[in-house]
């Protein structure tokens, strides 16, 4: 669809308003005179001159009868026939006769004659010739009105109606109706406004969907957190009630109750810390405190922190690296990410299993992998392992399930550093977590 600029549309409207009355005027003149010439034809001029001569001769010949009513009636008949008007004055300028036409000579041509008799002035005659442009002028005025009406309708069609529809669409969008069809327009400026309006509407739709997703996720997180907090809290309260009521009487029972309370407290502490970190990464814009760090050293620290837990299950952890793995990032956040990856591997690796960690530089990336000898990820787990609060165990057993936020936090930290983290399985069995972060830039 071709479009017009408002300036061009306005010029076309002005040209149309000027052209239509002129066309009507010329057409009416042609119908009336039979010629396109806007002046009078020779035939018309000759005929009018003949009628004028006859009328003047009649007045001159009847100078003696100017006051005779019968003669006056004959003159009046002649004037009506020729569509002329006449005024007769005596020698002193006093009016003797005036034709009874209602036009009064407005817009007509005027001819003046002096009546002489024997060389003496006896009177004067003023003749008003017929005006032949009345019909064309009326036609031109009708054409002007028609042009204004057509232009008004077209302006409403091309300018006003699209703007009215866009105003209605804006109110529908404000009311939450996203299935709005924006009007098309052949005016370029209105089409540009429509395109911008459509871009804005799509952006609002995306924001609305994102807000709905965040709200759904928020409700899910609240429900999951309430469930996860309730389980250790109920257990903790039960064992504390047992201690306060004296159910545990022997030192061994008391030590067991206290150990369980400490374990549940540690679970609550871990859950709260994971929730705090997740919320901070998800909803608060935090910029990492970038420093130049060796990812190999961070992995070594993570191994040392998870060694006691691994020794309880007789799991061996090995780190293989090729040279320095220097990256730019926040040491605390990176260590938190690596801790979560190793903690996940230790919890899902059976007793007497193995965990192997690799770190090496490839092009401008520092790659790292975490392999274990556990069962690996099922297809459903592999697709959802990084979802917040997702755990493969339907029972949500905390002995192996964790908080459900560890891998989510790790992925967000790695992505926050410009890298990526993915989950998969080894061909020979066991989980495989693969990730990378950009290598630190060399000053040289």
Protein backbone atom coordinates (compact mmCIF):
# COMPACT_ATOMS: atom_id res chain seq x y z
CA UNK A 1 0.00 0.00 0.00
CA UNK A 2 1.49 3.29 -1.11
CA UNK A 3 1.54 6.04 1.47
CA UNK A 4 1.33 9.82 1.27
CA UNK A 5 2.99 12.41 3.42
CA UNK A 6 0.63 14.86 5.12
CA UNK A 7 2.24 17.73 3.19
CA UNK A 8 1.53 16.05 -0.16
CA UNK A 9 -1.98 15.09 0.95
CA UNK A 10 -2.68 18.73 1.92
CA UNK A 11 -1.39 20.03 -1.42
CA UNK A 12 -3.58 17.55 -3.30
CA UNK A 13 -6.60 18.64 -1.26
CA UNK A 14 -5.89 22.30 -2.00
CA UNK A 15 -5.47 21.58 -5.71
CA UNK A 16 -8.75 19.66 -5.70
CA UNK A 17 -10.61 22.51 -3.97
CA UNK A 18 -9.29 24.98 -6.55
CA UNK A 19 -9.90 22.74 -9.56
CA UNK A 20 -13.49 21.58 -9.00
CA UNK A 21 -15.12 25.08 -8.92
CA UNK A 22 -13.18 26.05 -12.05
CA UNK A 23 -14.35 22.87 -13.85
CA UNK A 24 -17.95 23.57 -12.82
CA UNK A 25 -17.67 27.17 -14.01
CA UNK A 26 -16.24 26.20 -17.41
CA UNK A 27 -18.84 23.43 -17.84
CA UNK A 28 -21.75 25.77 -17.05
CA UNK A 29 -20.35 28.39 -19.39
CA UNK A 30 -20.02 25.80 -22.16
CA UNK A 31 -23.59 24.56 -21.64
CA UNK A 32 -24.89 28.14 -21.70
CA UNK A 33 -22.84 29.55 -24.57
CA UNK A 34 -21.72 26.48 -26.51
CA UNK A 35 -18.09 27.54 -26.36
CA UNK A 36 -15.21 27.07 -23.99
CA UNK A 37 -14.12 30.66 -24.44
CA UNK A 38 -14.79 32.56 -21.25
CA UNK A 39 -15.48 35.75 -23.21
CA UNK A 40 -18.62 36.38 -25.27
CA UNK A 41 -18.71 34.96 -28.76
CA UNK A 42 -18.97 37.22 -31.79
CA UNK A 43 -22.49 36.00 -32.48
CA UNK A 44 -23.58 36.89 -28.97
CA UNK A 45 -21.95 40.31 -29.17
CA UNK A 46 -23.58 41.05 -32.54
CA UNK A 47 -27.00 39.95 -31.29
CA UNK A 48 -26.65 41.99 -28.11
CA UNK A 49 -25.48 45.02 -30.10
CA UNK A 50 -28.47 44.71 -32.41
CA UNK A 51 -30.87 44.53 -29.47
CA UNK A 52 -29.16 47.53 -27.87
CA UNK A 53 -29.40 49.53 -31.10
CA UNK A 54 -33.07 48.70 -31.51
CA UNK A 55 -33.82 49.66 -27.91
CA UNK A 56 -31.98 52.98 -28.17
CA UNK A 57 -33.67 53.77 -31.51
CA UNK A 58 -37.05 53.02 -29.93
CA UNK A 59 -36.30 55.39 -27.06
CA UNK A 60 -34.96 58.07 -29.42
CA UNK A 61 -37.88 57.80 -31.84
CA UNK A 62 -40.41 57.99 -29.03
CA UNK A 63 -38.91 61.01 -27.27
CA UNK A 64 -42.19 62.83 -27.60
CA UNK A 65 -44.02 59.93 -25.91
CA UNK A 66 -41.74 59.38 -22.96
CA UNK A 67 -44.51 60.23 -20.55
CA UNK A 68 -47.19 58.25 -22.45
CA UNK A 69 -48.18 55.12 -20.42
CA UNK A 70 -48.86 53.14 -23.58
CA UNK A 71 -45.39 53.84 -24.96
CA UNK A 72 -43.87 53.07 -21.61
CA UNK A 73 -45.53 49.65 -21.60
CA UNK A 74 -44.15 48.94 -25.07
CA UNK A 75 -40.64 49.96 -23.89
CA UNK A 76 -41.01 47.83 -20.79
CA UNK A 77 -41.96 44.82 -22.94
CA UNK A 78 -38.94 45.41 -25.15
CA UNK A 79 -36.62 45.62 -22.15
CA UNK A 80 -37.94 42.37 -20.69
CA UNK A 81 -37.51 40.67 -24.03
CA UNK A 82 -33.87 41.74 -24.27
CA UNK A 83 -33.22 41.29 -20.51
CA UNK A 84 -32.05 44.89 -20.33
CA UNK A 85 -32.84 47.69 -17.93
CA UNK A 86 -33.13 51.35 -18.74
CA UNK A 87 -33.31 54.74 -17.07
CA UNK A 88 -34.40 57.87 -18.99
CA UNK A 89 -33.43 61.31 -17.75
CA UNK A 90 -34.51 64.71 -19.11
CA UNK A 91 -32.08 67.41 -20.13
CA UNK A 92 -31.85 68.71 -16.57
CA UNK A 93 -30.97 65.22 -15.20
CA UNK A 94 -34.37 64.44 -13.67
CA UNK A 95 -35.54 60.84 -13.94
CA UNK A 96 -38.42 60.33 -16.30
CA UNK A 97 -38.54 56.55 -16.66
CA UNK A 98 -37.08 53.53 -14.89
CA UNK A 99 -37.68 49.90 -15.89
CA UNK A 100 -39.51 47.75 -13.34
CA UNK A 101 -36.91 44.93 -13.22
CA UNK A 102 -36.05 43.67 -9.73
CA UNK A 103 -32.31 43.17 -10.53
CA UNK A 104 -31.50 46.83 -10.36
CA UNK A 105 -28.61 46.45 -12.78
CA UNK A 106 -26.30 44.79 -10.26
CA UNK A 107 -23.20 43.35 -11.98
CA UNK A 108 -24.40 44.38 -15.45
CA UNK A 109 -22.54 46.37 -18.09
CA UNK A 110 -23.68 49.99 -18.49
CA UNK A 111 -24.13 51.94 -21.73
CA UNK A 112 -24.92 55.69 -21.68
CA UNK A 113 -26.48 57.65 -24.59
CA UNK A 114 -27.53 61.29 -25.12
CA UNK A 115 -30.72 62.01 -27.04
CA UNK A 116 -30.47 65.03 -29.31
CA UNK A 117 -33.15 66.79 -31.33
CA UNK A 118 -32.23 69.53 -33.79
CA UNK A 119 -28.82 69.72 -32.17
CA UNK A 120 -30.24 70.26 -28.69
CA UNK A 121 -29.96 67.81 -25.74
CA UNK A 122 -33.40 66.62 -24.77
CA UNK A 123 -32.44 63.69 -22.53
CA UNK A 124 -30.08 60.94 -21.51
CA UNK A 125 -30.49 57.15 -21.47
CA UNK A 126 -28.67 54.65 -19.24
CA UNK A 127 -28.89 51.03 -20.43
CA UNK A 128 -27.93 48.07 -18.19
CA UNK A 129 -26.94 45.13 -20.36
CA UNK A 130 -27.72 41.55 -19.16
CA UNK A 131 -25.07 39.75 -17.11
CA UNK A 132 -24.37 36.37 -18.77
CA UNK A 133 -22.02 35.00 -15.99
CA UNK A 134 -24.65 34.39 -13.29
CA UNK A 135 -25.16 30.68 -14.03
CA UNK A 136 -21.41 29.88 -14.24
CA UNK A 137 -20.78 31.68 -10.97
CA UNK A 138 -23.54 29.72 -9.25
CA UNK A 139 -22.07 26.52 -10.69
CA UNK A 140 -18.61 27.45 -9.45
CA UNK A 141 -19.98 28.05 -5.94
CA UNK A 142 -21.76 24.68 -6.03
CA UNK A 143 -18.49 23.07 -7.16
CA UNK A 144 -16.66 24.70 -4.24
CA UNK A 145 -19.18 23.31 -1.76
CA UNK A 146 -18.92 19.84 -3.33
CA UNK A 147 -15.10 19.96 -3.22
CA UNK A 148 -15.12 20.96 0.45
CA UNK A 149 -17.53 18.12 1.27
CA UNK A 150 -15.41 15.52 -0.58
CA UNK A 151 -12.19 16.75 1.06
CA UNK A 152 -13.85 16.64 4.48
CA UNK A 153 -14.92 13.03 3.91
CA UNK A 154 -11.44 12.02 2.69
CA UNK A 155 -9.74 13.75 5.63
CA UNK A 156 -12.02 11.87 7.98
CA UNK A 157 -11.24 8.61 6.17
CA UNK A 158 -7.45 9.02 5.98
CA UNK A 159 -6.70 11.11 9.10
CA UNK A 160 -9.44 11.16 11.70
CA UNK A 161 -10.71 7.56 11.63
CA UNK A 162 -7.23 5.93 12.00
CA UNK A 163 -6.45 8.26 14.90
CA UNK A 164 -9.81 7.49 16.53
CA UNK A 165 -9.16 3.73 16.14
CA UNK A 166 -5.67 4.05 17.65
CA UNK A 167 -7.15 5.97 20.58
CA UNK A 168 -9.70 3.18 21.07
CA UNK A 169 -6.91 0.57 20.82
CA UNK A 170 -4.92 2.38 23.51
CA UNK A 171 -7.90 2.25 25.86
CA UNK A 172 -8.43 -1.47 25.09
CA UNK A 173 -4.78 -2.23 25.85
CA UNK A 174 -5.04 -0.27 29.09
CA UNK A 175 -8.02 -2.49 29.98
CA UNK A 176 -5.90 -5.61 29.40
CA UNK A 177 -7.10 -6.58 25.92
CA UNK A 178 -3.99 -7.65 23.97
CA UNK A 179 -5.90 -8.92 20.90
CA UNK A 180 -6.16 -5.44 19.41
CA UNK A 181 -5.90 -4.89 15.66
CA UNK A 182 -4.30 -1.56 14.88
CA UNK A 183 -5.76 0.38 11.92
CA UNK A 184 -3.88 0.78 8.65
CA UNK A 185 -3.41 4.21 7.09
CA UNK A 186 -2.19 5.54 3.75
CA UNK A 187 -0.78 8.64 5.46
CA UNK A 188 2.92 8.05 6.12
CA UNK A 189 3.08 9.88 9.44
CA UNK A 190 0.07 8.01 10.85
CA UNK A 191 1.51 4.70 9.55
CA UNK A 192 4.79 5.47 11.36
CA UNK A 193 2.89 6.22 14.58
CA UNK A 194 0.99 2.95 14.12
CA UNK A 195 4.23 0.99 13.68
CA UNK A 196 5.71 2.58 16.80
CA UNK A 197 2.50 1.87 18.68
CA UNK A 198 2.64 -1.77 17.58
CA UNK A 199 6.26 -2.09 18.77
CA UNK A 200 5.25 -0.60 22.11
CA UNK A 201 2.28 -2.99 22.35
CA UNK A 202 4.48 -6.03 21.67
CA UNK A 203 6.95 -4.82 24.30
CA UNK A 204 4.11 -4.44 26.79
CA UNK A 205 2.90 -7.94 25.92
CA UNK A 206 6.34 -9.38 26.57
CA UNK A 207 6.59 -7.47 29.85
CA UNK A 208 3.13 -8.66 30.86
CA UNK A 209 4.02 -12.28 30.09
CA UNK A 210 7.32 -11.94 31.93
CA UNK A 211 5.53 -10.42 34.91
CA UNK A 212 3.02 -13.27 34.89
CA UNK A 213 5.85 -15.80 34.74
CA UNK A 214 7.68 -14.09 37.60
CA UNK A 215 4.50 -13.99 39.64
CA UNK A 216 3.91 -17.70 39.00
CA UNK A 217 7.51 -18.45 39.90
CA UNK A 218 7.19 -16.33 43.05
CA UNK A 219 4.13 -18.27 44.16
CA UNK A 220 5.91 -21.53 43.42
CA UNK A 221 9.02 -20.47 45.36
CA UNK A 222 6.94 -19.38 48.35
CA UNK A 223 5.03 -22.68 48.37
CA UNK A 224 8.22 -24.74 47.96
CA UNK A 225 10.10 -22.80 50.61
CA UNK A 226 7.19 -23.17 53.03
CA UNK A 227 7.30 -26.93 52.47
CA UNK A 228 11.10 -27.14 52.75
CA UNK A 229 11.20 -25.07 55.93
CA UNK A 230 8.37 -26.97 57.55
CA UNK A 231 9.99 -30.43 57.35
CA UNK A 232 13.23 -29.68 59.28
CA UNK A 233 11.37 -27.33 61.62
CA UNK A 234 8.87 -30.04 62.59
CA UNK A 235 11.69 -32.52 63.11
CA UNK A 236 13.69 -29.99 65.11
CA UNK A 237 10.70 -29.15 67.30
CA UNK A 238 9.94 -32.84 67.85
CA UNK A 239 13.45 -33.65 69.04
CA UNK A 240 13.60 -30.50 71.19
CA UNK A 241 10.26 -31.48 72.77
CA UNK A 242 11.73 -34.93 73.41
CA UNK A 243 14.71 -33.37 75.20
CA UNK A 244 12.54 -30.96 77.22
CA UNK A 245 10.08 -33.69 78.23
CA UNK A 246 12.83 -36.10 79.28
CA UNK A 247 12.11 -38.74 76.63
CA UNK A 248 15.84 -38.97 75.94
CA UNK A 249 17.29 -39.94 79.33
CA UNK A 250 20.55 -41.73 78.64
CA UNK A 251 23.61 -39.74 77.53
CA UNK A 252 23.61 -41.69 74.26
CA UNK A 253 19.99 -40.72 73.51
CA UNK A 254 20.59 -37.12 74.48
CA UNK A 255 23.68 -36.99 72.23
CA UNK A 256 21.65 -38.50 69.39
CA UNK A 257 18.83 -35.96 69.82
CA UNK A 258 21.32 -33.11 69.95
CA UNK A 259 23.08 -34.39 66.81
CA UNK A 260 19.76 -34.55 64.94
CA UNK A 261 18.90 -31.01 66.08
CA UNK A 262 22.27 -29.78 64.85
CA UNK A 263 21.75 -31.54 61.52
CA UNK A 264 18.29 -29.98 61.06
CA UNK A 265 19.67 -26.57 62.03
CA UNK A 266 22.43 -26.99 59.45
CA UNK A 267 19.79 -27.87 56.82
CA UNK A 268 17.79 -24.76 57.70
CA UNK A 269 20.94 -22.64 57.59
CA UNK A 270 21.87 -24.03 54.18
CA UNK A 271 18.35 -23.52 52.80
CA UNK A 272 18.16 -19.93 54.05
CA UNK A 273 21.60 -19.13 52.63
CA UNK A 274 20.71 -20.68 49.28
CA UNK A 275 17.45 -18.74 49.19
CA UNK A 276 19.27 -15.51 50.03
CA UNK A 277 21.84 -16.09 47.28
CA UNK A 278 19.17 -17.07 44.74
CA UNK A 279 17.07 -13.99 45.54
CA UNK A 280 20.10 -11.76 45.33
CA UNK A 281 21.06 -13.14 41.93
CA UNK A 282 17.51 -13.31 40.55
CA UNK A 283 15.85 -10.12 41.72
CA UNK A 284 18.66 -7.76 42.73
CA UNK A 285 21.08 -6.34 40.18
CA UNK A 286 24.48 -7.13 41.64
CA UNK A 287 27.68 -6.60 39.72
CA UNK A 288 30.44 -9.10 40.45
CA UNK A 289 33.51 -7.75 42.20
CA UNK A 290 35.88 -8.59 39.36
CA UNK A 291 39.41 -9.65 40.15
CA UNK A 292 41.99 -11.77 38.38
CA UNK A 293 41.77 -15.22 39.96
CA UNK A 294 43.01 -18.73 39.19
CA UNK A 295 39.97 -21.01 38.78
CA UNK A 296 42.21 -24.00 39.62
CA UNK A 297 42.84 -22.58 43.12
CA UNK A 298 39.12 -21.97 43.59
CA UNK A 299 38.39 -25.58 42.65
CA UNK A 300 41.07 -26.75 45.09
CA UNK A 301 39.43 -24.78 47.91
CA UNK A 302 36.06 -26.29 47.03
CA UNK A 303 37.55 -29.79 47.12
CA UNK A 304 39.03 -29.12 50.57
CA UNK A 305 35.70 -27.85 51.91
CA UNK A 306 33.82 -30.93 50.59
CA UNK A 307 36.49 -33.49 51.57
CA UNK A 308 34.98 -34.31 55.01
CA UNK A 309 31.61 -35.07 53.45
CA UNK A 310 33.28 -37.14 50.70
CA UNK A 311 35.36 -39.14 53.20
CA UNK A 312 32.20 -40.20 55.01
CA UNK A 313 31.11 -41.98 51.81
CA UNK A 314 34.65 -43.06 50.85
CA UNK A 315 34.49 -40.96 47.67
CA UNK A 316 37.75 -39.96 46.02
CA UNK A 317 37.99 -36.48 44.43
CA UNK A 318 40.72 -35.69 41.89
CA UNK A 319 41.61 -32.45 40.09
CA UNK A 320 43.39 -32.41 36.77
CA UNK A 321 44.45 -29.11 35.21
CA UNK A 322 46.63 -27.97 32.35
CA UNK A 323 48.54 -24.88 33.47
CA UNK A 324 46.95 -21.84 35.05
CA UNK A 325 43.25 -21.21 34.51
CA UNK A 326 43.17 -17.44 34.98
CA UNK A 327 39.76 -15.76 34.79
CA UNK A 328 38.34 -12.38 35.70
CA UNK A 329 35.55 -12.59 38.22
CA UNK A 330 34.30 -12.44 41.77
CA UNK A 331 36.27 -15.04 43.81
CA UNK A 332 33.51 -15.42 46.40
CA UNK A 333 30.75 -16.03 43.83
CA UNK A 334 32.90 -18.38 41.74
CA UNK A 335 33.81 -20.40 44.84
CA UNK A 336 30.12 -20.58 45.74
CA UNK A 337 29.33 -21.89 42.25
CA UNK A 338 32.07 -24.54 42.38
CA UNK A 339 31.04 -25.59 45.92
CA UNK A 340 27.50 -26.18 44.70
CA UNK A 341 28.70 -28.29 41.76
CA UNK A 342 30.91 -30.46 43.97
CA UNK A 343 28.28 -30.73 46.69
CA UNK A 344 25.79 -31.97 44.08
CA UNK A 345 28.35 -34.53 42.84
CA UNK A 346 29.18 -35.78 46.37
CA UNK A 347 25.51 -36.15 47.33
CA UNK A 348 24.63 -38.13 44.18
CA UNK A 349 27.74 -40.29 44.02
CA UNK A 350 27.31 -43.64 45.77
CA UNK A 351 29.77 -44.89 48.42
CA UNK A 352 33.24 -45.78 47.17
CA UNK A 353 32.62 -43.73 44.04
CA UNK A 354 34.84 -41.25 42.24
CA UNK A 355 34.59 -37.58 41.27
CA UNK A 356 36.92 -36.15 38.65
CA UNK A 357 37.37 -32.42 38.04
CA UNK A 358 39.16 -30.93 35.05
CA UNK A 359 40.23 -27.35 34.36
CA UNK A 360 41.97 -26.15 31.20
CA UNK A 361 42.21 -23.21 28.83
CA UNK A 362 40.78 -23.41 25.33
CA UNK A 363 41.07 -20.38 23.04
CA UNK A 364 39.76 -17.44 25.12
CA UNK A 365 37.76 -19.64 27.52
CA UNK A 366 38.61 -21.43 30.72
CA UNK A 367 36.76 -24.76 30.61
CA UNK A 368 35.86 -26.89 33.64
CA UNK A 369 34.11 -30.24 34.03
CA UNK A 370 32.79 -32.22 36.99
CA UNK A 371 32.29 -35.97 36.44
CA UNK A 372 30.94 -38.48 38.95
CA UNK A 373 30.14 -42.18 39.03
CA UNK A 374 26.54 -41.81 40.11
CA UNK A 375 23.39 -42.69 38.18
CA UNK A 376 23.53 -39.53 36.06
CA UNK A 377 20.57 -37.44 34.97
CA UNK A 378 17.36 -38.87 33.61
CA UNK A 379 16.00 -37.16 30.45
CA UNK A 380 13.51 -35.19 32.54
CA UNK A 381 16.17 -34.19 35.06
CA UNK A 382 18.57 -33.18 32.33
CA UNK A 383 15.98 -30.78 30.90
CA UNK A 384 14.99 -29.27 34.27
CA UNK A 385 18.06 -29.63 36.47
CA UNK A 386 18.72 -25.87 36.52
CA UNK A 387 15.14 -24.91 37.38
CA UNK A 388 14.74 -23.28 40.81
CA UNK A 389 13.79 -25.74 43.58
CA UNK A 390 13.70 -28.70 41.19
CA UNK A 391 14.84 -32.05 42.56
CA UNK A 392 14.63 -35.36 40.81
CA UNK A 393 13.33 -37.21 43.85
CA UNK A 394 9.59 -37.07 43.96
CA UNK A 395 9.68 -37.45 47.71
CA UNK A 396 11.99 -34.40 47.99
CA UNK A 397 14.21 -36.38 50.38
CA UNK A 398 16.82 -34.03 51.78
CA UNK A 399 19.32 -36.77 52.37
CA UNK A 400 20.18 -36.55 48.68
CA UNK A 401 17.90 -33.83 47.32
CA UNK A 402 19.60 -30.75 48.74
CA UNK A 403 17.87 -27.37 48.64
CA UNK A 404 17.03 -27.55 44.94
CA UNK A 405 18.79 -24.24 44.33
CA UNK A 406 22.47 -25.22 44.17
CA UNK A 407 22.74 -25.86 40.43
CA UNK A 408 20.45 -22.92 39.67
CA UNK A 409 22.71 -20.61 41.63
CA UNK A 410 25.82 -22.03 39.96
CA UNK A 411 24.40 -21.47 36.49
CA UNK A 412 23.37 -17.90 37.29
CA UNK A 413 26.84 -17.11 38.69
CA UNK A 414 28.57 -18.59 35.64
CA UNK A 415 26.25 -16.73 33.26
CA UNK A 416 26.76 -13.57 35.28
CA UNK A 417 30.48 -13.89 34.48
CA UNK A 418 29.73 -14.20 30.76
CA UNK A 419 29.99 -17.99 30.60
CA UNK A 420 27.68 -21.00 30.45
CA UNK A 421 26.96 -24.16 32.42
CA UNK A 422 25.31 -27.30 31.00
CA UNK A 423 24.34 -30.71 32.36
CA UNK A 424 24.72 -34.08 30.67
CA UNK A 425 25.78 -37.71 31.14
CA UNK A 426 28.99 -39.57 30.43
CA UNK A 427 28.84 -42.37 27.85
CA UNK A 428 30.02 -44.86 30.47
CA UNK A 429 27.52 -43.59 33.04
CA UNK A 430 27.49 -40.86 35.65
CA UNK A 431 26.65 -37.15 35.58
CA UNK A 432 28.78 -34.65 33.65
CA UNK A 433 28.60 -30.91 34.35
CA UNK A 434 30.43 -28.79 31.78
CA UNK A 435 31.02 -25.06 31.97
CA UNK A 436 33.25 -22.22 30.90
CA UNK A 437 34.00 -18.61 31.79
CA UNK A 438 35.96 -16.09 29.72
CA UNK A 439 39.69 -16.12 30.33
CA UNK A 440 41.25 -13.01 31.82
CA UNK A 441 42.68 -10.59 29.28
CA UNK A 442 46.41 -10.47 29.06
CA UNK A 443 47.97 -7.08 29.75
CA UNK A 444 50.65 -7.74 27.16
